[in-house]
Amino acid sequence: MSSPSFSSLKVIPLDDYNDQFDDTQSHMAVDGGEEKNDTNVLEEVDTWLPITESRKGNAYTATFHVLCSGIGTPALVLPFAFTSLGWTWGIVVLTVIFAWRLYTMWLLIHLHESVNGTRYSRYLQLSIAAFGEKLGKCLSLFPIMYLSVGTCVMSIIVGGGTLQLFYNAMCGNDHKCLDKSLSGAQWFLLFVCLAILIAQFFPNLHSLAWVSFIGSVLGVAYFTLLWALSIGKGRPSGVSHSPADNVTTTMARFRAVLNGVAIIAIAFRGHNVVLEIQGTLPTNPKHPTRTSMWRGVIASYSFVAVCIFPLAIGGYWAYGNLMPANGIMAAIAKYHQASTPKWLTGTIYMMVVIQCICAFQIYAMPVFDNLERIYVSRQHKACPRWLRSCIKLFFGGLTYYISVAFPFLGGLAAFVGGIALPLSLVYPCFMWISIKKPQRNSLMYCLNMFLGCLGILISVVQVAGALWNLVVDKLDANFFSP
């Protein structure tokens, strides 16, 4: 069966890929004159694209990929969310969101392989299989592109900014050294050059296993250092843990609660690449990929929990209502910079930079995959190495331009993140109902329907709350001024 093909600029379901070939190509003879069947064509296409070029992964590589992509700087703001939610509700909301995301990841992993053996190694493919071509693209295309390109852009902004902090920390009070510092745009450029240079040596997602391992180790390390340092240095004077101390009116309190929930909701990431990561694993009828992938997810999310919960709780304990909106790194710099050794501060900054570079590689891979698909769909052969290099250079230039043009994107994270939130909390629930077709009123049907509807409500409220905050706080839109 065939269905209408996508344009070359969009992810193409593997079931529909053969429509990209003309009639003569579809009747090419191989192996003694026999025609290629659809299965062989699809398998060949998979071997040409960077996400599925190598299927030699295992539970360990899946663990590294999921952990490196799932842990990052957005979670460093979690203690600030507690300033509006307080101890009880902060811990409850954090636990619920964590468990919810883990559950929806379980759904995606079990939807990766269909009954007839089709593998959905890209999120958009699964969305189209569940919701149809038009609705699937309409619902998923923007969130997928935002979470891939947007995460790479934020990695540049955070990584470049942290490089500048590292330089300033090493200079200390030496004004001559500080005067020689690069501009914000130049720090961003340095980060992009490093990220794209590294990308040139890794042709596919599986080959990034060691990069993900390094990013995972450093991510866990700097999260642990930050919360341990905050607790070890003790509380600054004047710390309070009463949410009412930060607001004066009921409406301001309500707005702060919405902002706190939004911070927790977008602190976790990685759902948009979990199917791609699973696509690097080999499969056979006796050993489906869901077994080893779920082991990897459990292992990685155990580390995520060990990092995020102590940081959120320990950071709030240490700073309370004095926690800056920029998160725990800003709090340490504000209250303990003088008493923290320069080498330790510099080490933490460099860990953040390297982890951002590693995460950049994973989130850029779906974009490379899409761009290479354009060539594959037209030339019917694998992308040459020189073209792959050009694609990566183009993407590096594009993300650099966006990061310099919109260095305030972090201020829009709650708003845009609310729009993309259904990709993590909502769509997997409805995908399960659409594909698995559980019996109406069964436990799985009711649970997924409830979580899907609740996720839509949370997404709408988060977007509305983010807009409210932008209007009240007035976003500092410093175009082209990083």
Protein backbone atom coordinates (compact mmCIF):
# COMPACT_ATOMS: atom_id res chain seq x y z
CA MET A 1 0.00 0.00 0.00
CA SER A 2 1.17 3.52 -0.62
CA SER A 3 -0.04 6.87 0.53
CA PRO A 4 0.69 10.42 -0.60
CA SER A 5 4.37 11.25 -0.16
CA PHE A 6 5.74 14.10 1.87
CA SER A 7 7.61 17.03 0.51
CA SER A 8 11.34 16.55 0.64
CA LEU A 9 11.64 18.97 3.55
CA LYS A 10 9.71 16.79 5.98
CA VAL A 11 10.31 13.47 7.66
CA ILE A 12 8.93 10.73 5.43
CA PRO A 13 7.39 7.61 6.92
CA LEU A 14 9.33 4.56 5.86
CA ASP A 15 6.15 2.91 4.62
CA ASP A 16 5.70 5.75 2.13
CA TYR A 17 9.28 6.23 1.12
CA ASN A 18 9.06 4.09 -2.01
CA ASP A 19 6.63 6.66 -3.45
CA GLN A 20 9.63 8.97 -3.84
CA PHE A 21 11.04 6.71 -6.51
CA ASP A 22 9.80 6.78 -10.07
CA ASP A 23 8.51 3.70 -11.87
CA THR A 24 11.85 2.75 -13.35
CA GLN A 25 13.57 2.90 -9.98
CA SER A 26 10.90 0.76 -8.34
CA HIS A 27 11.55 -2.01 -10.90
CA MET A 28 15.33 -2.11 -10.63
CA ALA A 29 16.63 -5.69 -10.75
CA VAL A 30 18.95 -7.19 -8.17
CA ASP A 31 20.33 -10.63 -7.31
CA GLY A 32 20.02 -12.39 -10.61
CA GLY A 33 17.29 -10.20 -12.07
CA GLU A 34 14.76 -10.31 -9.23
CA GLU A 35 12.91 -7.11 -8.43
CA LYS A 36 13.46 -5.25 -5.19
CA ASN A 37 10.55 -5.62 -2.87
CA ASP A 38 9.37 -2.85 -0.60
CA THR A 39 11.08 -4.28 2.46
CA ASN A 40 14.49 -4.29 0.83
CA VAL A 41 14.04 -0.72 -0.38
CA LEU A 42 13.04 0.51 3.07
CA GLU A 43 15.94 -1.30 4.73
CA GLU A 44 18.33 0.23 2.22
CA VAL A 45 16.96 3.71 2.87
CA ASP A 46 17.45 3.22 6.60
CA THR A 47 21.11 2.37 6.05
CA TRP A 48 21.62 5.70 4.29
CA LEU A 49 20.25 8.01 6.98
CA PRO A 50 22.23 9.00 10.10
CA ILE A 51 19.65 7.98 12.69
CA THR A 52 19.29 4.40 11.47
CA GLU A 53 22.58 4.00 9.57
CA SER A 54 23.92 1.82 12.38
CA ARG A 55 21.75 -0.49 14.50
CA LYS A 56 24.52 -1.84 16.71
CA GLY A 57 23.41 -0.19 19.93
CA ASN A 58 22.59 -1.86 23.23
CA ALA A 59 21.10 -1.02 26.62
CA TYR A 60 24.29 0.78 27.67
CA THR A 61 24.45 3.09 24.67
CA ALA A 62 20.72 3.78 25.04
CA THR A 63 21.34 4.72 28.67
CA PHE A 64 24.06 7.19 27.71
CA HIS A 65 21.97 8.76 24.93
CA VAL A 66 18.84 9.14 27.07
CA LEU A 67 20.74 10.49 30.06
CA CYS A 68 22.79 12.98 28.04
CA SER A 69 19.71 14.26 26.22
CA GLY A 70 17.49 14.19 29.31
CA ILE A 71 19.63 16.10 31.79
CA GLY A 72 20.51 19.73 31.18
CA THR A 73 20.57 23.33 32.32
CA PRO A 74 16.75 23.88 32.32
CA ALA A 75 16.63 21.78 35.49
CA LEU A 76 18.99 24.18 37.27
CA VAL A 77 16.04 26.56 37.73
CA LEU A 78 13.98 23.99 39.67
CA PRO A 79 14.78 25.47 43.13
CA PHE A 80 13.25 28.76 41.95
CA ALA A 81 10.00 26.92 41.16
CA PHE A 82 9.84 25.88 44.81
CA THR A 83 9.81 29.54 45.90
CA SER A 84 6.26 29.84 44.62
CA LEU A 85 5.05 26.29 45.28
CA GLY A 86 6.60 25.67 48.69
CA TRP A 87 7.92 22.40 50.08
CA THR A 88 4.86 20.20 49.81
CA TRP A 89 3.46 21.21 46.45
CA GLY A 90 6.91 21.62 44.95
CA ILE A 91 7.85 18.04 45.76
CA VAL A 92 4.41 16.72 44.73
CA VAL A 93 4.41 18.47 41.35
CA LEU A 94 8.02 17.47 40.65
CA THR A 95 7.28 13.82 41.48
CA VAL A 96 4.08 13.70 39.41
CA ILE A 97 5.71 15.28 36.34
CA PHE A 98 8.69 12.94 36.64
CA ALA A 99 6.48 9.82 36.88
CA TRP A 100 4.22 11.07 34.08
CA ARG A 101 7.13 11.60 31.71
CA LEU A 102 8.57 8.21 32.57
CA TYR A 103 5.20 6.60 31.82
CA THR A 104 4.79 8.33 28.44
CA MET A 105 8.33 7.27 27.55
CA TRP A 106 7.28 3.69 28.31
CA LEU A 107 4.37 4.16 25.90
CA LEU A 108 6.63 5.44 23.12
CA ILE A 109 9.10 2.59 23.60
CA HIS A 110 6.33 0.00 23.28
CA LEU A 111 4.90 1.73 20.19
CA HIS A 112 8.26 1.76 18.40
CA GLU A 113 7.66 -1.63 16.76
CA SER A 114 4.27 -2.53 15.28
CA VAL A 115 2.75 -5.99 15.11
CA ASN A 116 3.76 -6.40 11.46
CA GLY A 117 7.39 -5.51 12.22
CA THR A 118 7.40 -1.87 11.08
CA ARG A 119 9.78 0.25 13.13
CA TYR A 120 8.96 3.90 13.82
CA SER A 121 12.42 5.32 14.36
CA ARG A 122 11.30 8.94 14.17
CA TYR A 123 8.65 10.64 16.28
CA LEU A 124 6.85 12.11 13.27
CA GLN A 125 6.47 8.68 11.69
CA LEU A 126 4.71 7.38 14.79
CA SER A 127 2.52 10.48 14.96
CA ILE A 128 1.39 9.99 11.36
CA ALA A 129 0.78 6.28 11.94
CA ALA A 130 -1.43 7.15 14.92
CA PHE A 131 -3.25 10.29 13.74
CA GLY A 132 -3.01 10.22 9.95
CA GLU A 133 -0.79 12.23 7.64
CA LYS A 134 -2.36 15.69 7.90
CA LEU A 135 -3.21 15.68 11.59
CA GLY A 136 0.02 13.91 12.55
CA LYS A 137 2.16 16.53 10.82
CA CYS A 138 0.01 19.38 12.11
CA LEU A 139 0.31 18.23 15.74
CA SER A 140 3.93 17.13 15.83
CA LEU A 141 6.00 18.98 13.24
CA PHE A 142 6.44 22.28 15.12
CA PRO A 143 7.14 20.72 18.55
CA ILE A 144 9.68 18.34 17.03
CA MET A 145 11.48 21.11 15.16
CA TYR A 146 11.39 23.40 18.19
CA LEU A 147 12.70 20.75 20.56
CA SER A 148 15.52 19.83 18.14
CA VAL A 149 16.58 23.21 16.73
CA GLY A 150 15.49 25.12 19.84
CA THR A 151 17.51 22.91 22.15
CA CYS A 152 20.58 23.36 19.95
CA VAL A 153 20.08 27.14 19.98
CA MET A 154 19.69 27.17 23.77
CA SER A 155 22.83 25.02 24.03
CA ILE A 156 24.68 27.75 22.13
CA ILE A 157 23.26 30.51 24.32
CA VAL A 158 23.97 28.67 27.57
CA GLY A 159 27.28 27.18 26.43
CA GLY A 160 28.58 30.43 24.97
CA GLY A 161 27.47 32.39 28.02
CA THR A 162 29.12 29.87 30.34
CA LEU A 163 32.36 30.10 28.36
CA GLN A 164 32.30 33.83 29.11
CA LEU A 165 31.65 33.12 32.80
CA PHE A 166 34.60 30.71 32.80
CA TYR A 167 36.87 33.35 31.31
CA ASN A 168 35.71 35.98 33.81
CA ALA A 169 36.20 33.55 36.70
CA MET A 170 39.75 32.81 35.58
CA CYS A 171 40.50 36.53 35.23
CA GLY A 172 39.19 37.30 38.70
CA ASN A 173 39.78 40.96 39.54
CA ASP A 174 42.32 41.49 36.75
CA HIS A 175 40.70 44.33 34.81
CA LYS A 176 43.20 44.14 31.96
CA CYS A 177 42.27 40.48 31.47
CA LEU A 178 38.57 41.25 31.64
CA ASP A 179 38.93 44.04 29.07
CA LYS A 180 40.31 41.51 26.57
CA SER A 181 37.22 39.31 26.82
CA LEU A 182 35.39 38.39 23.63
CA SER A 183 31.94 39.78 22.91
CA GLY A 184 28.83 37.70 23.52
CA ALA A 185 28.46 36.91 19.79
CA GLN A 186 32.10 35.80 19.64
CA TRP A 187 31.64 33.43 22.58
CA PHE A 188 28.61 31.98 20.83
CA LEU A 189 30.68 31.54 17.66
CA LEU A 190 33.43 29.76 19.57
CA PHE A 191 30.90 27.33 21.01
CA VAL A 192 29.31 26.64 17.61
CA CYS A 193 32.70 26.04 15.99
CA LEU A 194 33.57 23.49 18.67
CA ALA A 195 30.18 21.75 18.38
CA ILE A 196 30.23 21.50 14.57
CA LEU A 197 33.87 20.44 14.53
CA ILE A 198 33.02 17.53 16.81
CA ALA A 199 29.94 16.70 14.73
CA GLN A 200 32.13 16.15 11.66
CA PHE A 201 33.67 13.05 13.23
CA PHE A 202 30.39 11.27 14.02
CA PRO A 203 28.36 10.21 10.96
CA ASN A 204 25.38 8.64 12.78
CA LEU A 205 23.54 8.58 16.08
CA HIS A 206 25.05 5.32 17.29
CA SER A 207 28.56 6.62 16.75
CA LEU A 208 27.81 9.33 19.36
CA ALA A 209 27.75 6.75 22.17
CA TRP A 210 31.06 7.90 23.67
CA VAL A 211 30.06 11.54 23.30
CA SER A 212 26.84 10.78 25.17
CA PHE A 213 28.80 8.90 27.81
CA ILE A 214 31.02 11.94 28.43
CA GLY A 215 28.01 14.25 28.49
CA SER A 216 26.19 11.95 30.93
CA VAL A 217 29.12 11.72 33.34
CA LEU A 218 29.73 15.46 33.31
CA GLY A 219 26.02 16.24 33.65
CA VAL A 220 25.69 14.05 36.73
CA ALA A 221 28.95 15.48 38.09
CA TYR A 222 28.07 19.16 37.86
CA PHE A 223 24.53 18.63 39.14
CA THR A 224 25.98 16.84 42.18
CA LEU A 225 28.62 19.51 42.73
CA LEU A 226 26.04 22.29 42.57
CA TRP A 227 23.63 20.90 45.14
CA ALA A 228 26.42 19.64 47.39
CA LEU A 229 28.16 23.01 47.25
CA SER A 230 24.92 24.83 48.05
CA ILE A 231 24.24 22.69 51.11
CA GLY A 232 27.86 22.63 52.24
CA LYS A 233 28.24 26.43 52.16
CA GLY A 234 25.24 26.88 54.44
CA ARG A 235 22.33 29.27 54.20
CA PRO A 236 22.73 33.00 53.63
CA SER A 237 21.15 35.22 56.28
CA GLY A 238 17.49 36.09 55.80
CA VAL A 239 16.41 32.83 54.13
CA SER A 240 12.68 32.10 54.27
CA HIS A 241 10.73 29.12 52.92
CA SER A 242 7.29 30.71 52.94
CA PRO A 243 5.91 31.27 49.41
CA ALA A 244 3.78 34.15 50.70
CA ASP A 245 6.93 36.18 51.38
CA ASN A 246 7.58 36.63 47.66
CA VAL A 247 4.18 38.07 46.65
CA THR A 248 1.84 40.75 47.92
CA THR A 249 -1.43 40.02 46.08
CA THR A 250 -3.57 36.98 45.32
CA MET A 251 -3.15 37.43 41.56
CA ALA A 252 0.61 37.69 41.89
CA ARG A 253 0.57 34.50 43.97
CA PHE A 254 -1.49 32.70 41.31
CA ARG A 255 0.85 33.89 38.56
CA ALA A 256 3.87 32.70 40.53
CA VAL A 257 2.31 29.25 40.98
CA LEU A 258 1.69 28.95 37.24
CA ASN A 259 5.29 29.94 36.59
CA GLY A 260 6.53 27.35 39.10
CA VAL A 261 4.55 24.55 37.48
CA ALA A 262 5.82 25.63 34.04
CA ILE A 263 9.44 25.52 35.22
CA ILE A 264 9.00 21.96 36.48
CA ALA A 265 7.13 20.86 33.34
CA ILE A 266 9.93 21.95 30.99
CA ALA A 267 12.82 20.87 33.25
CA PHE A 268 12.73 17.37 31.75
CA ARG A 269 13.47 16.71 28.08
CA GLY A 270 14.31 13.97 25.58
CA HIS A 271 10.95 12.61 24.41
CA ASN A 272 11.47 13.94 20.90
CA VAL A 273 14.60 11.80 20.44
CA VAL A 274 13.67 8.62 22.34
CA LEU A 275 12.36 6.83 19.23
CA GLU A 276 15.47 7.87 17.33
CA ILE A 277 17.64 6.43 20.09
CA GLN A 278 15.62 3.21 20.05
CA GLY A 279 16.14 3.09 16.29
CA THR A 280 19.85 2.47 16.89
CA LEU A 281 19.11 -0.87 18.59
CA PRO A 282 19.02 -4.20 16.72
CA THR A 283 15.82 -6.25 16.83
CA ASN A 284 14.54 -9.74 16.17
CA PRO A 285 11.31 -11.55 17.05
CA LYS A 286 12.82 -13.12 20.18
CA HIS A 287 14.51 -9.94 21.41
CA PRO A 288 12.48 -6.82 20.52
CA THR A 289 14.09 -3.45 21.08
CA ARG A 290 11.65 -2.44 23.81
CA THR A 291 13.38 -4.75 26.32
CA SER A 292 16.87 -3.27 26.11
CA MET A 293 15.53 0.25 25.51
CA TRP A 294 13.42 0.16 28.66
CA ARG A 295 16.41 -1.03 30.65
CA GLY A 296 18.37 1.94 29.34
CA VAL A 297 15.57 4.36 30.19
CA ILE A 298 15.20 3.00 33.74
CA ALA A 299 18.95 3.30 34.30
CA SER A 300 19.15 6.81 32.86
CA TYR A 301 16.06 8.10 34.67
CA SER A 302 17.46 6.73 37.93
CA PHE A 303 20.44 9.03 37.45
CA VAL A 304 18.15 11.88 36.42
CA ALA A 305 16.18 11.47 39.64
CA VAL A 306 19.38 11.31 41.71
CA CYS A 307 20.48 14.60 40.12
CA ILE A 308 17.25 16.59 39.90
CA PHE A 309 15.51 15.86 43.20
CA PRO A 310 18.51 16.68 45.46
CA LEU A 311 19.23 19.80 43.40
CA ALA A 312 15.65 21.08 43.62
CA ILE A 313 15.21 20.25 47.31
CA GLY A 314 18.76 21.07 48.41
CA GLY A 315 18.85 24.29 46.43
CA TYR A 316 15.57 25.48 47.92
CA TRP A 317 16.72 24.50 51.42
CA ALA A 318 19.92 26.51 51.00
CA TYR A 319 18.54 29.68 49.43
CA GLY A 320 14.75 29.65 49.95
CA ASN A 321 13.11 32.85 48.74
CA LEU A 322 16.56 34.32 48.00
CA MET A 323 16.94 31.96 45.02
CA PRO A 324 17.53 34.04 41.84
CA ALA A 325 15.26 33.45 38.84
CA ASN A 326 18.31 32.30 36.85
CA GLY A 327 18.72 29.24 39.05
CA ILE A 328 21.22 27.64 41.37
CA MET A 329 24.38 28.61 39.46
CA ALA A 330 23.44 32.26 39.79
CA ALA A 331 22.75 31.72 43.51
CA ILE A 332 26.20 30.23 44.12
CA ALA A 333 27.85 33.06 42.19
CA LYS A 334 25.85 35.65 44.15
CA TYR A 335 26.28 34.34 47.68
CA HIS A 336 29.41 32.14 47.65
CA GLN A 337 31.65 33.35 44.85
CA ALA A 338 34.24 34.81 47.22
CA SER A 339 34.48 31.64 49.31
CA THR A 340 34.49 29.19 46.39
CA PRO A 341 37.92 28.26 44.98
CA LYS A 342 38.54 29.55 41.48
CA TRP A 343 39.49 26.10 40.22
CA LEU A 344 36.19 24.62 41.43
CA THR A 345 34.14 27.38 39.84
CA GLY A 346 36.03 26.98 36.57
CA THR A 347 35.60 23.20 36.65
CA ILE A 348 31.83 23.50 37.03
CA TYR A 349 31.63 26.00 34.18
CA MET A 350 33.66 23.77 31.86
CA MET A 351 31.51 20.76 32.76
CA VAL A 352 28.43 22.73 31.76
CA VAL A 353 30.03 23.78 28.46
CA ILE A 354 31.12 20.26 27.52
CA GLN A 355 27.75 18.76 28.48
CA CYS A 356 26.01 21.36 26.29
CA ILE A 357 28.28 20.41 23.37
CA CYS A 358 27.44 16.72 23.87
CA ALA A 359 23.69 17.37 24.06
CA PHE A 360 23.96 19.53 20.93
CA GLN A 361 25.15 16.49 18.97
CA ILE A 362 22.13 14.37 19.91
CA TYR A 363 19.50 17.02 19.25
CA ALA A 364 21.11 18.04 15.96
CA MET A 365 21.02 14.49 14.60
CA PRO A 366 17.26 14.48 13.69
CA VAL A 367 17.84 17.70 11.74
CA PHE A 368 20.80 16.17 9.89
CA ASP A 369 18.59 13.16 9.19
CA ASN A 370 15.85 15.34 7.68
CA LEU A 371 18.25 17.33 5.52
CA GLU A 372 20.00 14.22 4.25
CA ARG A 373 16.62 12.72 3.40
CA ILE A 374 16.16 15.46 0.81
CA TYR A 375 19.24 14.25 -1.05
CA VAL A 376 18.37 10.56 -0.61
CA SER A 377 14.82 11.05 -1.92
CA ARG A 378 16.13 12.70 -5.08
CA GLN A 379 19.36 10.84 -5.80
CA HIS A 380 18.36 7.42 -4.42
CA LYS A 381 21.75 6.88 -2.81
CA ALA A 382 23.59 7.69 0.39
CA CYS A 383 24.79 11.20 1.10
CA PRO A 384 28.49 11.68 0.23
CA ARG A 385 30.77 12.72 3.06
CA TRP A 386 31.42 16.19 1.69
CA LEU A 387 27.70 16.93 1.55
CA ARG A 388 27.21 15.71 5.10
CA SER A 389 29.91 18.14 6.19
CA CYS A 390 28.20 20.97 4.32
CA ILE A 391 24.84 20.13 5.92
CA LYS A 392 26.41 20.30 9.38
CA LEU A 393 28.12 23.59 8.58
CA PHE A 394 24.82 24.99 7.30
CA PHE A 395 23.00 23.92 10.45
CA GLY A 396 25.74 25.38 12.63
CA GLY A 397 25.46 28.69 10.80
CA LEU A 398 21.67 28.69 11.08
CA THR A 399 21.61 27.99 14.81
CA TYR A 400 24.37 30.54 15.41
CA TYR A 401 22.38 33.21 13.59
CA ILE A 402 19.25 32.43 15.61
CA SER A 403 21.16 32.47 18.90
CA VAL A 404 22.71 35.86 18.12
CA ALA A 405 19.48 37.32 16.75
CA PHE A 406 17.35 36.06 19.66
CA PRO A 407 19.59 35.74 22.72
CA PHE A 408 16.51 36.21 24.91
CA LEU A 409 14.98 32.87 23.85
CA GLY A 410 15.42 31.59 27.38
CA GLY A 411 12.79 34.09 28.48
CA LEU A 412 10.31 32.49 26.06
CA ALA A 413 11.04 28.94 27.23
CA ALA A 414 7.87 28.65 29.35
CA PHE A 415 5.66 29.93 26.51
CA VAL A 416 7.09 27.87 23.65
CA GLY A 417 7.69 24.95 25.97
CA GLY A 418 3.99 24.97 26.81
CA ILE A 419 3.15 24.65 23.12
CA ALA A 420 5.56 21.72 22.77
CA LEU A 421 4.53 20.09 26.07
CA PRO A 422 1.84 17.82 24.49
CA LEU A 423 4.58 16.00 22.58
CA SER A 424 5.79 14.62 25.92
CA LEU A 425 2.65 14.39 28.07
CA VAL A 426 -0.31 14.16 25.67
CA TYR A 427 0.42 12.62 22.28
CA PRO A 428 1.91 9.32 23.57
CA CYS A 429 -1.32 8.66 25.51
CA PHE A 430 -3.54 9.23 22.50
CA MET A 431 -1.11 7.34 20.24
CA TRP A 432 -1.50 4.29 22.46
CA ILE A 433 -5.29 4.48 22.24
CA SER A 434 -5.19 4.98 18.46
CA ILE A 435 -2.69 2.21 17.66
CA LYS A 436 -3.24 -0.38 20.40
CA LYS A 437 -7.01 0.18 20.51
CA PRO A 438 -7.55 -0.92 24.14
CA GLN A 439 -11.07 -1.92 25.11
CA ARG A 440 -13.24 1.04 25.95
CA ASN A 441 -13.46 1.67 29.72
CA SER A 442 -10.45 -0.61 30.33
CA LEU A 443 -7.69 0.59 32.67
CA MET A 444 -5.29 1.56 29.87
CA TYR A 445 -8.00 3.35 27.94
CA CYS A 446 -9.22 5.37 30.93
CA LEU A 447 -5.71 6.14 32.20
CA ASN A 448 -4.42 7.37 28.84
CA MET A 449 -7.58 9.33 28.11
CA PHE A 450 -7.39 11.02 31.52
CA LEU A 451 -3.68 11.84 31.25
CA GLY A 452 -4.07 13.06 27.67
CA CYS A 453 -6.90 15.44 28.56
CA LEU A 454 -5.12 16.63 31.71
CA GLY A 455 -1.96 17.24 29.69
CA ILE A 456 -3.88 19.41 27.22
CA LEU A 457 -5.28 21.44 30.11
CA ILE A 458 -1.83 21.90 31.65
CA SER A 459 -0.40 22.95 28.29
CA VAL A 460 -3.12 25.57 27.76
CA VAL A 461 -2.75 26.92 31.28
CA GLN A 462 1.04 27.03 30.96
CA VAL A 463 0.89 28.98 27.69
CA ALA A 464 -1.64 31.42 29.18
CA GLY A 465 0.46 31.82 32.34
CA ALA A 466 3.63 32.37 30.31
CA LEU A 467 1.94 35.07 28.25
CA TRP A 468 0.70 36.67 31.44
CA ASN A 469 4.22 36.74 32.84
CA LEU A 470 5.61 38.19 29.62
CA VAL A 471 3.06 41.01 29.71
CA VAL A 472 3.60 41.81 33.39
CA ASP A 473 7.40 41.39 33.53
CA LYS A 474 8.06 42.83 30.06
CA LEU A 475 10.46 40.62 28.10
CA ASP A 476 13.86 42.18 27.48
CA ALA A 477 14.04 41.53 23.72
CA ASN A 478 17.71 42.35 23.11
CA PHE A 479 17.85 41.48 19.41
CA PHE A 480 21.39 40.89 18.12
CA SER A 481 22.87 41.86 21.51
CA PRO A 482 23.98 38.67 23.25
